[in-house]
Amino acid sequence: MKISKIKELLEAEVLSGEELIEGEVHSACGCDMMSDVLAFVKDQAVLLTGLCNPQVVRTATMMDMRCIVFVRGKRPSADVVALANDSGIAVLATDMRMYAACGILYQNGLHAGECSK
């Protein structure tokens, strides 16, 4: 699914990486615990989270994620957005709750990736 489609479906605002929104993601992970995100198999995914600190971007970078969507109306600080921009990760923000946002993406064909055991 293209990041631009995620933007549309979630009625999201692009905070950074406008030039990246035609890129594809293959799966999604909705989580606020970055240790759980590390169990997610690398798969050019999108991360949906309400956690707004630099560790989110560092984790997404390690996991080869292409996009971070901040949910529940959360807006990361400028330094978090700059770190994502430097890492080549698109940053979106939506007012939707994580459960609804994940459900919409799943219903529209973006499925969960594999988790390592």
N, C-alpha and C. Protein backbone atom coordinates (compact mmCIF):
# COMPACT_ATOMS: atom_id res chain seq x y z
N MET A 1 0.85 -1.17 0.00
CA MET A 1 0.00 0.00 0.00
C MET A 1 0.89 1.24 0.00
N LYS A 2 0.52 2.21 -0.78
CA LYS A 2 1.28 3.46 -0.81
C LYS A 2 1.01 4.27 0.46
N ILE A 3 2.03 4.98 0.91
CA ILE A 3 1.89 5.84 2.08
C ILE A 3 0.83 6.90 1.82
N SER A 4 0.70 7.36 0.59
CA SER A 4 -0.33 8.35 0.25
C SER A 4 -1.74 7.79 0.51
N LYS A 5 -1.92 6.48 0.31
CA LYS A 5 -3.22 5.84 0.58
C LYS A 5 -3.46 5.78 2.08
N ILE A 6 -2.41 5.52 2.85
CA ILE A 6 -2.53 5.53 4.32
C ILE A 6 -2.94 6.92 4.79
N LYS A 7 -2.30 7.94 4.23
CA LYS A 7 -2.65 9.33 4.56
C LYS A 7 -4.14 9.58 4.32
N GLU A 8 -4.61 9.14 3.16
CA GLU A 8 -6.01 9.33 2.80
C GLU A 8 -6.95 8.57 3.73
N LEU A 9 -6.67 7.29 3.94
CA LEU A 9 -7.54 6.45 4.76
C LEU A 9 -7.64 6.92 6.21
N LEU A 10 -6.52 7.40 6.73
CA LEU A 10 -6.48 7.82 8.14
C LEU A 10 -6.73 9.31 8.33
N GLU A 11 -7.02 9.99 7.22
CA GLU A 11 -7.24 11.44 7.27
C GLU A 11 -6.08 12.09 8.03
N ALA A 12 -4.88 11.71 7.63
CA ALA A 12 -3.66 12.11 8.33
C ALA A 12 -3.01 13.32 7.69
N GLU A 13 -2.24 13.99 8.50
CA GLU A 13 -1.43 15.13 8.07
C GLU A 13 0.01 14.65 7.89
N VAL A 14 0.66 15.05 6.82
CA VAL A 14 2.07 14.72 6.62
C VAL A 14 2.90 15.75 7.37
N LEU A 15 3.68 15.29 8.34
CA LEU A 15 4.53 16.19 9.12
C LEU A 15 5.94 16.26 8.54
N SER A 16 6.33 15.21 7.84
CA SER A 16 7.66 15.15 7.23
C SER A 16 7.67 14.06 6.18
N GLY A 17 8.47 14.26 5.14
CA GLY A 17 8.63 13.23 4.13
C GLY A 17 7.58 13.26 3.04
N GLU A 18 7.10 14.44 2.70
CA GLU A 18 6.12 14.56 1.62
C GLU A 18 6.62 13.89 0.34
N GLU A 19 7.92 13.95 0.12
CA GLU A 19 8.50 13.34 -1.08
C GLU A 19 8.53 11.81 -1.01
N LEU A 20 8.22 11.25 0.15
CA LEU A 20 8.26 9.79 0.35
C LEU A 20 6.88 9.13 0.28
N ILE A 21 5.82 9.93 0.16
CA ILE A 21 4.48 9.33 0.34
C ILE A 21 4.01 8.47 -0.82
N GLU A 22 4.74 8.46 -1.93
CA GLU A 22 4.37 7.53 -2.99
C GLU A 22 5.10 6.19 -2.83
N GLY A 23 5.87 6.08 -1.75
CA GLY A 23 6.55 4.82 -1.45
C GLY A 23 5.56 3.78 -0.94
N GLU A 24 5.96 2.52 -1.04
CA GLU A 24 5.11 1.39 -0.65
C GLU A 24 5.52 0.85 0.72
N VAL A 25 4.53 0.40 1.46
CA VAL A 25 4.77 -0.38 2.67
C VAL A 25 4.02 -1.70 2.50
N HIS A 26 4.53 -2.74 3.15
CA HIS A 26 3.98 -4.07 2.94
C HIS A 26 3.22 -4.62 4.13
N SER A 27 3.37 -3.99 5.28
CA SER A 27 2.68 -4.45 6.48
C SER A 27 2.64 -3.31 7.49
N ALA A 28 1.95 -3.56 8.60
CA ALA A 28 1.80 -2.53 9.63
C ALA A 28 2.01 -3.13 11.01
N CYS A 29 2.43 -2.27 11.92
CA CYS A 29 2.61 -2.65 13.32
C CYS A 29 2.07 -1.51 14.18
N GLY A 30 1.10 -1.79 15.01
CA GLY A 30 0.55 -0.79 15.92
C GLY A 30 1.01 -1.09 17.33
N CYS A 31 1.83 -0.21 17.92
CA CYS A 31 2.42 -0.51 19.21
C CYS A 31 3.00 0.73 19.86
N ASP A 32 2.90 0.80 21.19
CA ASP A 32 3.56 1.85 21.94
C ASP A 32 4.80 1.34 22.69
N MET A 33 5.01 0.05 22.69
CA MET A 33 6.17 -0.53 23.36
C MET A 33 7.23 -0.87 22.31
N MET A 34 8.30 -0.11 22.30
CA MET A 34 9.32 -0.29 21.26
C MET A 34 10.01 -1.65 21.37
N SER A 35 10.04 -2.24 22.56
CA SER A 35 10.60 -3.59 22.67
C SER A 35 9.77 -4.59 21.89
N ASP A 36 8.45 -4.41 21.84
CA ASP A 36 7.60 -5.28 21.03
C ASP A 36 7.80 -5.03 19.54
N VAL A 37 8.06 -3.80 19.17
CA VAL A 37 8.32 -3.48 17.76
C VAL A 37 9.57 -4.21 17.29
N LEU A 38 10.54 -4.36 18.17
CA LEU A 38 11.78 -5.05 17.81
C LEU A 38 11.56 -6.53 17.51
N ALA A 39 10.43 -7.08 17.94
CA ALA A 39 10.09 -8.48 17.64
C ALA A 39 9.44 -8.61 16.27
N PHE A 40 9.15 -7.49 15.65
CA PHE A 40 8.49 -7.45 14.35
C PHE A 40 9.53 -7.71 13.27
N VAL A 41 9.19 -8.56 12.30
CA VAL A 41 10.13 -8.88 11.22
C VAL A 41 10.26 -7.70 10.27
N LYS A 42 11.48 -7.37 9.89
CA LYS A 42 11.72 -6.27 8.95
C LYS A 42 10.95 -6.52 7.65
N ASP A 43 10.15 -5.55 7.24
CA ASP A 43 9.31 -5.78 6.06
C ASP A 43 8.83 -4.47 5.46
N GLN A 44 9.64 -3.43 5.47
CA GLN A 44 9.23 -2.15 4.91
C GLN A 44 7.81 -1.80 5.38
N ALA A 45 7.67 -1.67 6.67
CA ALA A 45 6.36 -1.51 7.29
C ALA A 45 6.08 -0.08 7.70
N VAL A 46 4.86 0.12 8.16
CA VAL A 46 4.45 1.37 8.78
C VAL A 46 4.23 1.09 10.27
N LEU A 47 4.69 2.00 11.11
CA LEU A 47 4.52 1.89 12.55
C LEU A 47 3.47 2.89 12.99
N LEU A 48 2.43 2.42 13.67
CA LEU A 48 1.42 3.28 14.26
C LEU A 48 1.66 3.31 15.75
N THR A 49 1.79 4.51 16.32
CA THR A 49 2.12 4.64 17.74
C THR A 49 1.62 5.96 18.30
N GLY A 50 1.47 5.98 19.60
CA GLY A 50 1.15 7.21 20.30
C GLY A 50 2.34 7.72 21.10
N LEU A 51 3.44 7.00 21.03
CA LEU A 51 4.66 7.38 21.74
C LEU A 51 5.42 8.39 20.91
N CYS A 52 5.75 9.53 21.49
CA CYS A 52 6.34 10.64 20.73
C CYS A 52 7.74 11.00 21.20
N ASN A 53 8.65 10.05 21.16
CA ASN A 53 10.02 10.39 21.54
C ASN A 53 11.00 9.89 20.48
N PRO A 54 12.25 10.32 20.56
CA PRO A 54 13.24 9.93 19.53
C PRO A 54 13.44 8.42 19.42
N GLN A 55 13.19 7.69 20.50
CA GLN A 55 13.37 6.24 20.46
C GLN A 55 12.47 5.59 19.42
N VAL A 56 11.31 6.17 19.16
CA VAL A 56 10.40 5.65 18.13
C VAL A 56 11.09 5.68 16.77
N VAL A 57 11.72 6.78 16.46
CA VAL A 57 12.40 6.91 15.17
C VAL A 57 13.61 5.98 15.11
N ARG A 58 14.35 5.90 16.18
CA ARG A 58 15.52 5.00 16.20
C ARG A 58 15.10 3.55 15.99
N THR A 59 14.00 3.16 16.64
CA THR A 59 13.49 1.80 16.48
C THR A 59 13.00 1.57 15.05
N ALA A 60 12.26 2.52 14.51
CA ALA A 60 11.76 2.40 13.14
C ALA A 60 12.91 2.30 12.15
N THR A 61 13.97 3.04 12.39
CA THR A 61 15.14 2.99 11.52
C THR A 61 15.79 1.61 11.57
N MET A 62 15.97 1.07 12.76
CA MET A 62 16.56 -0.26 12.92
C MET A 62 15.72 -1.32 12.22
N MET A 63 14.41 -1.13 12.20
CA MET A 63 13.51 -2.14 11.65
C MET A 63 13.17 -1.87 10.18
N ASP A 64 13.87 -0.94 9.55
CA ASP A 64 13.68 -0.64 8.13
C ASP A 64 12.25 -0.21 7.81
N MET A 65 11.63 0.51 8.74
CA MET A 65 10.26 0.98 8.52
C MET A 65 10.30 2.22 7.65
N ARG A 66 9.28 2.40 6.85
CA ARG A 66 9.22 3.49 5.88
C ARG A 66 8.39 4.67 6.36
N CYS A 67 7.53 4.43 7.36
CA CYS A 67 6.58 5.46 7.77
C CYS A 67 6.20 5.27 9.22
N ILE A 68 6.04 6.38 9.93
CA ILE A 68 5.51 6.37 11.29
C ILE A 68 4.24 7.20 11.27
N VAL A 69 3.17 6.64 11.84
CA VAL A 69 1.91 7.38 11.98
C VAL A 69 1.66 7.57 13.47
N PHE A 70 1.65 8.81 13.90
CA PHE A 70 1.33 9.12 15.29
C PHE A 70 -0.19 9.23 15.40
N VAL A 71 -0.76 8.48 16.33
CA VAL A 71 -2.21 8.39 16.49
C VAL A 71 -2.69 9.21 17.69
N ARG A 72 -4.00 9.25 17.87
CA ARG A 72 -4.64 9.91 19.02
C ARG A 72 -4.34 11.40 19.10
N GLY A 73 -4.10 12.03 17.96
CA GLY A 73 -3.84 13.46 17.95
C GLY A 73 -2.47 13.84 18.47
N LYS A 74 -1.61 12.87 18.68
CA LYS A 74 -0.25 13.15 19.17
C LYS A 74 0.56 13.80 18.07
N ARG A 75 1.37 14.76 18.44
CA ARG A 75 2.27 15.44 17.51
C ARG A 75 3.67 15.41 18.11
N PRO A 76 4.62 14.80 17.40
CA PRO A 76 5.98 14.73 17.92
C PRO A 76 6.65 16.11 17.89
N SER A 77 7.68 16.25 18.70
CA SER A 77 8.43 17.50 18.73
C SER A 77 9.22 17.66 17.44
N ALA A 78 9.70 18.87 17.21
CA ALA A 78 10.47 19.18 16.00
C ALA A 78 11.73 18.32 15.89
N ASP A 79 12.37 18.01 17.03
CA ASP A 79 13.59 17.19 16.96
C ASP A 79 13.28 15.75 16.54
N VAL A 80 12.13 15.23 16.94
CA VAL A 80 11.72 13.88 16.52
C VAL A 80 11.42 13.87 15.03
N VAL A 81 10.72 14.89 14.56
CA VAL A 81 10.41 15.00 13.13
C VAL A 81 11.69 15.14 12.32
N ALA A 82 12.63 15.94 12.80
CA ALA A 82 13.91 16.13 12.09
C ALA A 82 14.71 14.83 12.03
N LEU A 83 14.70 14.07 13.12
CA LEU A 83 15.40 12.78 13.14
C LEU A 83 14.79 11.82 12.12
N ALA A 84 13.47 11.79 12.04
CA ALA A 84 12.79 10.94 11.04
C ALA A 84 13.13 11.40 9.63
N ASN A 85 13.13 12.70 9.43
CA ASN A 85 13.47 13.25 8.11
C ASN A 85 14.89 12.86 7.72
N ASP A 86 15.83 12.98 8.65
CA ASP A 86 17.21 12.59 8.39
C ASP A 86 17.34 11.09 8.12
N SER A 87 16.42 10.31 8.65
CA SER A 87 16.44 8.85 8.48
C SER A 87 15.66 8.37 7.27
N GLY A 88 15.04 9.31 6.55
CA GLY A 88 14.27 8.93 5.37
C GLY A 88 12.96 8.23 5.68
N ILE A 89 12.35 8.62 6.79
CA ILE A 89 11.09 8.02 7.22
C ILE A 89 9.99 9.08 7.14
N ALA A 90 8.90 8.75 6.45
CA ALA A 90 7.76 9.66 6.38
C ALA A 90 7.07 9.69 7.75
N VAL A 91 6.59 10.87 8.14
CA VAL A 91 5.91 11.03 9.42
C VAL A 91 4.52 11.59 9.17
N LEU A 92 3.51 10.86 9.65
CA LEU A 92 2.12 11.29 9.53
C LEU A 92 1.52 11.39 10.92
N ALA A 93 0.45 12.16 11.04
CA ALA A 93 -0.27 12.27 12.31
C ALA A 93 -1.76 12.23 12.02
N THR A 94 -2.48 11.47 12.84
CA THR A 94 -3.93 11.37 12.71
C THR A 94 -4.59 11.53 14.07
N ASP A 95 -5.81 11.98 14.06
CA ASP A 95 -6.56 12.09 15.31
C ASP A 95 -7.22 10.77 15.70
N MET A 96 -7.16 9.78 14.82
CA MET A 96 -7.79 8.49 15.11
C MET A 96 -7.05 7.77 16.23
N ARG A 97 -7.81 6.93 16.94
CA ARG A 97 -7.18 6.07 17.93
C ARG A 97 -6.48 4.92 17.22
N MET A 98 -5.51 4.32 17.88
CA MET A 98 -4.72 3.27 17.26
C MET A 98 -5.58 2.10 16.78
N TYR A 99 -6.52 1.67 17.60
CA TYR A 99 -7.36 0.53 17.23
C TYR A 99 -8.11 0.80 15.94
N ALA A 100 -8.72 1.96 15.83
CA ALA A 100 -9.47 2.31 14.62
C ALA A 100 -8.54 2.44 13.42
N ALA A 101 -7.41 3.09 13.60
CA ALA A 101 -6.47 3.28 12.49
C ALA A 101 -5.95 1.94 11.97
N CYS A 102 -5.58 1.05 12.88
CA CYS A 102 -5.11 -0.28 12.47
C CYS A 102 -6.22 -1.04 11.76
N GLY A 103 -7.44 -0.95 12.29
CA GLY A 103 -8.57 -1.63 11.67
C GLY A 103 -8.85 -1.15 10.26
N ILE A 104 -8.77 0.15 10.06
CA ILE A 104 -9.01 0.71 8.72
C ILE A 104 -7.95 0.23 7.74
N LEU A 105 -6.70 0.25 8.17
CA LEU A 105 -5.63 -0.21 7.28
C LEU A 105 -5.77 -1.69 6.97
N TYR A 106 -6.11 -2.48 7.97
CA TYR A 106 -6.29 -3.92 7.77
C TYR A 106 -7.45 -4.19 6.82
N GLN A 107 -8.54 -3.50 7.04
CA GLN A 107 -9.73 -3.67 6.20
C GLN A 107 -9.46 -3.30 4.75
N ASN A 108 -8.50 -2.42 4.53
CA ASN A 108 -8.17 -1.97 3.18
C ASN A 108 -6.97 -2.71 2.59
N GLY A 109 -6.59 -3.81 3.19
CA GLY A 109 -5.60 -4.69 2.58
C GLY A 109 -4.19 -4.65 3.13
N LEU A 110 -3.91 -3.80 4.11
CA LEU A 110 -2.57 -3.76 4.70
C LEU A 110 -2.58 -4.66 5.93
N HIS A 111 -1.90 -5.77 5.83
CA HIS A 111 -1.99 -6.76 6.89
C HIS A 111 -0.77 -6.76 7.79
N ALA A 112 -0.89 -7.49 8.88
CA ALA A 112 0.19 -7.60 9.84
C ALA A 112 1.34 -8.38 9.23
N GLY A 113 2.53 -8.03 9.61
CA GLY A 113 3.71 -8.79 9.19
C GLY A 113 3.97 -9.92 10.17
N GLU A 114 5.04 -10.60 9.95
CA GLU A 114 5.44 -11.70 10.82
C GLU A 114 6.15 -11.16 12.06
N CYS A 115 6.05 -11.91 13.13
CA CYS A 115 6.81 -11.60 14.35
C CYS A 115 7.83 -12.69 14.57
N SER A 116 9.02 -12.30 15.00
CA SER A 116 10.02 -13.31 15.33
C SER A 116 9.65 -13.93 16.66
N LYS A 117 10.05 -15.13 16.86
CA LYS A 117 9.66 -15.85 18.08
C LYS A 117 10.80 -15.90 19.06
